[in-house]
């Protein structure tokens, strides 16, 4: 999740729902990809969240 739209290589704007992180909630503004398809650094399904001040990445 990020609050910075400049991080995206592709972005589809959606104003659907919200996400909860910690004790806070943020409106989901869109979903897309960050990085480059031809390189090894591509993050898919990255959420754009209104008001998020830090990037959050969960790896499982």
PDB file of N, CA and C in Angstrom:
ATOM      1  N   UNK A   1       0.848  -1.173   0.000  1.00  0.00           N
ATOM      2  CA  UNK A   1       0.000   0.000   0.000  1.00  0.00           C
ATOM      3  C   UNK A   1       0.890   1.231   0.000  1.00  0.00           C
ATOM      4  N   UNK A   2       0.430   2.234  -0.694  1.00  0.00           N
ATOM      5  CA  UNK A   2       1.143   3.503  -0.732  1.00  0.00           C
ATOM      6  C   UNK A   2       0.137   4.643  -0.834  1.00  0.00           C
ATOM      7  N   UNK A   3       0.550   5.808  -0.445  1.00  0.00           N
ATOM      8  CA  UNK A   3      -0.270   6.997  -0.600  1.00  0.00           C
ATOM      9  C   UNK A   3       0.238   7.892  -1.719  1.00  0.00           C
ATOM     10  N   UNK A   4       1.280   7.436  -2.432  1.00  0.00           N
ATOM     11  CA  UNK A   4       1.944   8.242  -3.458  1.00  0.00           C
ATOM     12  C   UNK A   4       1.630   7.702  -4.854  1.00  0.00           C
ATOM     13  N   UNK A   5       0.790   8.390  -5.625  1.00  0.00           N
ATOM     14  CA  UNK A   5       0.431   7.887  -6.953  1.00  0.00           C
ATOM     15  C   UNK A   5       1.595   7.861  -7.949  1.00  0.00           C
ATOM     16  N   UNK A   6       2.679   8.582  -7.678  1.00  0.00           N
ATOM     17  CA  UNK A   6       3.823   8.576  -8.596  1.00  0.00           C
ATOM     18  C   UNK A   6       4.593   7.257  -8.559  1.00  0.00           C
ATOM     19  N   UNK A   7       4.331   6.396  -7.598  1.00  0.00           N
ATOM     20  CA  UNK A   7       5.005   5.101  -7.488  1.00  0.00           C
ATOM     21  C   UNK A   7       4.519   4.095  -8.534  1.00  0.00           C
ATOM     22  N   UNK A   8       3.387   4.364  -9.176  1.00  0.00           N
ATOM     23  CA  UNK A   8       2.743   3.384 -10.051  1.00  0.00           C
ATOM     24  C   UNK A   8       3.243   3.471 -11.491  1.00  0.00           C
ATOM     25  N   UNK A   9       3.457   2.297 -12.111  1.00  0.00           N
ATOM     26  CA  UNK A   9       3.713   2.242 -13.548  1.00  0.00           C
ATOM     27  C   UNK A   9       2.394   2.106 -14.294  1.00  0.00           C
ATOM     28  N   UNK A  10       1.384   1.537 -13.646  1.00  0.00           N
ATOM     29  CA  UNK A  10       0.015   1.506 -14.173  1.00  0.00           C
ATOM     30  C   UNK A  10      -0.931   1.598 -12.986  1.00  0.00           C
ATOM     31  N   UNK A  11      -2.028   2.317 -13.168  1.00  0.00           N
ATOM     32  CA  UNK A  11      -2.957   2.553 -12.064  1.00  0.00           C
ATOM     33  C   UNK A  11      -4.376   2.615 -12.596  1.00  0.00           C
ATOM     34  N   UNK A  12      -5.266   1.851 -11.976  1.00  0.00           N
ATOM     35  CA  UNK A  12      -6.691   1.904 -12.298  1.00  0.00           C
ATOM     36  C   UNK A  12      -7.386   2.525 -11.092  1.00  0.00           C
ATOM     37  N   UNK A  13      -7.966   3.692 -11.300  1.00  0.00           N
ATOM     38  CA  UNK A  13      -8.621   4.391 -10.197  1.00  0.00           C
ATOM     39  C   UNK A  13      -9.934   3.707  -9.839  1.00  0.00           C
ATOM     40  N   UNK A  14     -10.126   3.479  -8.548  1.00  0.00           N
ATOM     41  CA  UNK A  14     -11.359   2.906  -8.010  1.00  0.00           C
ATOM     42  C   UNK A  14     -11.602   3.593  -6.680  1.00  0.00           C
ATOM     43  N   UNK A  15     -12.788   4.010  -6.448  1.00  0.00           N
ATOM     44  CA  UNK A  15     -13.135   4.606  -5.156  1.00  0.00           C
ATOM     45  C   UNK A  15     -14.074   3.637  -4.455  1.00  0.00           C
ATOM     46  N   UNK A  16     -13.543   2.458  -4.132  1.00  0.00           N
ATOM     47  CA  UNK A  16     -14.354   1.405  -3.530  1.00  0.00           C
ATOM     48  C   UNK A  16     -13.748   0.974  -2.201  1.00  0.00           C
ATOM     49  N   UNK A  17     -14.439   1.212  -1.141  1.00  0.00           N
ATOM     50  CA  UNK A  17     -14.065   0.661   0.148  1.00  0.00           C
ATOM     51  C   UNK A  17     -12.925   1.377   0.837  1.00  0.00           C
ATOM     52  N   UNK A  18     -12.451   0.727   1.870  1.00  0.00           N
ATOM     53  CA  UNK A  18     -11.372   1.269   2.678  1.00  0.00           C
ATOM     54  C   UNK A  18     -10.513   0.122   3.182  1.00  0.00           C
ATOM     55  N   UNK A  19      -9.322   0.447   3.647  1.00  0.00           N
ATOM     56  CA  UNK A  19      -8.435  -0.533   4.265  1.00  0.00           C
ATOM     57  C   UNK A  19      -8.154  -0.089   5.693  1.00  0.00           C
ATOM     58  N   UNK A  20      -7.929  -1.048   6.549  1.00  0.00           N
ATOM     59  CA  UNK A  20      -7.591  -0.790   7.944  1.00  0.00           C
ATOM     60  C   UNK A  20      -6.130  -1.163   8.154  1.00  0.00           C
ATOM     61  N   UNK A  21      -5.366  -0.263   8.736  1.00  0.00           N
ATOM     62  CA  UNK A  21      -3.964  -0.528   9.057  1.00  0.00           C
ATOM     63  C   UNK A  21      -3.703   0.054  10.436  1.00  0.00           C
ATOM     64  N   UNK A  22      -3.296  -0.798  11.349  1.00  0.00           N
ATOM     65  CA  UNK A  22      -3.125  -0.361  12.732  1.00  0.00           C
ATOM     66  C   UNK A  22      -4.461   0.065  13.304  1.00  0.00           C
ATOM     67  N   UNK A  23      -4.512   1.246  13.870  1.00  0.00           N
ATOM     68  CA  UNK A  23      -5.751   1.798  14.417  1.00  0.00           C
ATOM     69  C   UNK A  23      -6.392   2.802  13.461  1.00  0.00           C
ATOM     70  N   UNK A  24      -5.950   2.819  12.206  1.00  0.00           N
ATOM     71  CA  UNK A  24      -6.422   3.810  11.239  1.00  0.00           C
ATOM     72  C   UNK A  24      -7.159   3.153  10.086  1.00  0.00           C
ATOM     73  N   UNK A  25      -7.919   3.964   9.354  1.00  0.00           N
ATOM     74  CA  UNK A  25      -8.584   3.532   8.131  1.00  0.00           C
ATOM     75  C   UNK A  25      -8.248   4.529   7.036  1.00  0.00           C
ATOM     76  N   UNK A  26      -8.136   4.031   5.808  1.00  0.00           N
ATOM     77  CA  UNK A  26      -7.899   4.907   4.668  1.00  0.00           C
ATOM     78  C   UNK A  26      -8.760   4.499   3.501  1.00  0.00           C
ATOM     79  N   UNK A  27      -9.264   5.472   2.761  1.00  0.00           N
ATOM     80  CA  UNK A  27     -10.059   5.189   1.570  1.00  0.00           C
ATOM     81  C   UNK A  27      -9.165   4.644   0.466  1.00  0.00           C
ATOM     82  N   UNK A  28      -9.596   3.556  -0.175  1.00  0.00           N
ATOM     83  CA  UNK A  28      -8.870   3.005  -1.302  1.00  0.00           C
ATOM     84  C   UNK A  28      -9.210   3.830  -2.542  1.00  0.00           C
ATOM     85  N   UNK A  29      -8.184   4.391  -3.179  1.00  0.00           N
ATOM     86  CA  UNK A  29      -8.386   5.236  -4.348  1.00  0.00           C
ATOM     87  C   UNK A  29      -8.095   4.517  -5.655  1.00  0.00           C
ATOM     88  N   UNK A  30      -7.340   3.408  -5.600  1.00  0.00           N
ATOM     89  CA  UNK A  30      -7.007   2.692  -6.823  1.00  0.00           C
ATOM     90  C   UNK A  30      -6.117   1.505  -6.563  1.00  0.00           C
ATOM     91  N   UNK A  31      -5.837   0.782  -7.658  1.00  0.00           N
ATOM     92  CA  UNK A  31      -5.010  -0.417  -7.593  1.00  0.00           C
ATOM     93  C   UNK A  31      -4.198  -0.482  -8.877  1.00  0.00           C
ATOM     94  N   UNK A  32      -2.954  -0.936  -8.774  1.00  0.00           N
ATOM     95  CA  UNK A  32      -2.125  -1.020  -9.971  1.00  0.00           C
ATOM     96  C   UNK A  32      -0.815  -1.720  -9.710  1.00  0.00           C
ATOM     97  N   UNK A  33       0.151  -1.473 -10.598  1.00  0.00           N
ATOM     98  CA  UNK A  33       1.461  -2.097 -10.521  1.00  0.00           C
ATOM     99  C   UNK A  33       2.539  -1.037 -10.358  1.00  0.00           C
ATOM    100  N   UNK A  34       3.599  -1.418  -9.672  1.00  0.00           N
ATOM    101  CA  UNK A  34       4.765  -0.548  -9.520  1.00  0.00           C
ATOM    102  C   UNK A  34       5.978  -1.318 -10.005  1.00  0.00           C
ATOM    103  N   UNK A  35       6.845  -0.658 -10.727  1.00  0.00           N
ATOM    104  CA  UNK A  35       8.030  -1.314 -11.256  1.00  0.00           C
ATOM    105  C   UNK A  35       7.944  -1.461 -12.757  1.00  0.00           C
ATOM    106  N   UNK A  36       8.715  -2.422 -13.269  1.00  0.00           N
ATOM    107  CA  UNK A  36       8.842  -2.610 -14.708  1.00  0.00           C
ATOM    108  C   UNK A  36       8.618  -4.072 -15.047  1.00  0.00           C
ATOM    109  N   UNK A  37       7.790  -4.345 -16.049  1.00  0.00           N
ATOM    110  CA  UNK A  37       7.498  -5.728 -16.436  1.00  0.00           C
ATOM    111  C   UNK A  37       8.737  -6.467 -16.932  1.00  0.00           C
ATOM    112  N   UNK A  38       9.707  -5.764 -17.492  1.00  0.00           N
ATOM    113  CA  UNK A  38      10.892  -6.427 -18.035  1.00  0.00           C
ATOM    114  C   UNK A  38      11.987  -6.631 -16.987  1.00  0.00           C
ATOM    115  N   UNK A  39      11.819  -6.085 -15.802  1.00  0.00           N
ATOM    116  CA  UNK A  39      12.823  -6.272 -14.754  1.00  0.00           C
ATOM    117  C   UNK A  39      12.299  -7.248 -13.707  1.00  0.00           C
ATOM    118  N   UNK A  40      13.108  -7.517 -12.719  1.00  0.00           N
ATOM    119  CA  UNK A  40      12.706  -8.452 -11.664  1.00  0.00           C
ATOM    120  C   UNK A  40      11.999  -7.751 -10.515  1.00  0.00           C
ATOM    121  N   UNK A  41      11.847  -6.458 -10.606  1.00  0.00           N
ATOM    122  CA  UNK A  41      11.195  -5.712  -9.525  1.00  0.00           C
ATOM    123  C   UNK A  41       9.835  -5.192  -9.973  1.00  0.00           C
ATOM    124  N   UNK A  42       8.823  -6.025  -9.840  1.00  0.00           N
ATOM    125  CA  UNK A  42       7.456  -5.649 -10.170  1.00  0.00           C
ATOM    126  C   UNK A  42       6.572  -5.998  -8.985  1.00  0.00           C
ATOM    127  N   UNK A  43       5.844  -5.040  -8.496  1.00  0.00           N
ATOM    128  CA  UNK A  43       4.866  -5.272  -7.432  1.00  0.00           C
ATOM    129  C   UNK A  43       3.492  -5.125  -8.061  1.00  0.00           C
ATOM    130  N   UNK A  44       2.714  -6.208  -8.031  1.00  0.00           N
ATOM    131  CA  UNK A  44       1.383  -6.206  -8.623  1.00  0.00           C
ATOM    132  C   UNK A  44       0.329  -5.993  -7.549  1.00  0.00           C
ATOM    133  N   UNK A  45      -0.819  -5.489  -7.957  1.00  0.00           N
ATOM    134  CA  UNK A  45      -1.965  -5.277  -7.065  1.00  0.00           C
ATOM    135  C   UNK A  45      -1.627  -4.371  -5.885  1.00  0.00           C
ATOM    136  N   UNK A  46      -0.865  -3.340  -6.156  1.00  0.00           N
ATOM    137  CA  UNK A  46      -0.506  -2.342  -5.149  1.00  0.00           C
ATOM    138  C   UNK A  46      -1.682  -1.387  -4.967  1.00  0.00           C
ATOM    139  N   UNK A  47      -2.064  -1.140  -3.728  1.00  0.00           N
ATOM    140  CA  UNK A  47      -3.204  -0.270  -3.441  1.00  0.00           C
ATOM    141  C   UNK A  47      -2.756   1.169  -3.224  1.00  0.00           C
ATOM    142  N   UNK A  48      -3.507   2.103  -3.792  1.00  0.00           N
ATOM    143  CA  UNK A  48      -3.330   3.526  -3.517  1.00  0.00           C
ATOM    144  C   UNK A  48      -4.339   3.895  -2.443  1.00  0.00           C
ATOM    145  N   UNK A  49      -3.835   4.329  -1.285  1.00  0.00           N
ATOM    146  CA  UNK A  49      -4.684   4.597  -0.125  1.00  0.00           C
ATOM    147  C   UNK A  49      -4.545   6.063   0.267  1.00  0.00           C
ATOM    148  N   UNK A  50      -5.678   6.740   0.346  1.00  0.00           N
ATOM    149  CA  UNK A  50      -5.714   8.156   0.689  1.00  0.00           C
ATOM    150  C   UNK A  50      -5.149   8.395   2.090  1.00  0.00           C
ATOM    151  N   UNK A  51      -4.217   9.340   2.189  1.00  0.00           N
ATOM    152  CA  UNK A  51      -3.686   9.746   3.482  1.00  0.00           C
ATOM    153  C   UNK A  51      -2.590   8.867   4.054  1.00  0.00           C
ATOM    154  N   UNK A  52      -2.203   7.807   3.361  1.00  0.00           N
ATOM    155  CA  UNK A  52      -1.152   6.920   3.871  1.00  0.00           C
ATOM    156  C   UNK A  52       0.195   7.622   3.732  1.00  0.00           C
ATOM    157  N   UNK A  53       0.902   7.794   4.837  1.00  0.00           N
ATOM    158  CA  UNK A  53       2.145   8.560   4.844  1.00  0.00           C
ATOM    159  C   UNK A  53       3.386   7.701   4.581  1.00  0.00           C
ATOM    160  N   UNK A  54       3.284   6.384   4.794  1.00  0.00           N
ATOM    161  CA  UNK A  54       4.412   5.476   4.600  1.00  0.00           C
ATOM    162  C   UNK A  54       3.965   4.331   3.703  1.00  0.00           C
ATOM    163  N   UNK A  55       4.901   3.770   2.956  1.00  0.00           N
ATOM    164  CA  UNK A  55       4.603   2.598   2.145  1.00  0.00           C
ATOM    165  C   UNK A  55       4.580   1.375   3.051  1.00  0.00           C
ATOM    166  N   UNK A  56       3.608   0.501   2.842  1.00  0.00           N
ATOM    167  CA  UNK A  56       3.495  -0.722   3.630  1.00  0.00           C
ATOM    168  C   UNK A  56       3.544  -1.917   2.696  1.00  0.00           C
ATOM    169  N   UNK A  57       4.404  -2.901   2.999  1.00  0.00           N
ATOM    170  CA  UNK A  57       4.554  -4.092   2.179  1.00  0.00           C
ATOM    171  C   UNK A  57       4.479  -5.310   3.082  1.00  0.00           C
ATOM    172  N   UNK A  58       3.612  -6.238   2.731  1.00  0.00           N
ATOM    173  CA  UNK A  58       3.471  -7.479   3.489  1.00  0.00           C
ATOM    174  C   UNK A  58       3.910  -8.635   2.603  1.00  0.00           C
ATOM    175  N   UNK A  59       4.821  -9.448   3.094  1.00  0.00           N
ATOM    176  CA  UNK A  59       5.326 -10.597   2.340  1.00  0.00           C
ATOM    177  C   UNK A  59       4.998 -11.855   3.124  1.00  0.00           C
ATOM    178  N   UNK A  60       4.335 -12.788   2.450  1.00  0.00           N
ATOM    179  CA  UNK A  60       4.030 -14.058   3.134  1.00  0.00           C
ATOM    180  C   UNK A  60       4.325 -15.233   2.242  1.00  0.00           C
TER     181      UNK A  60
END
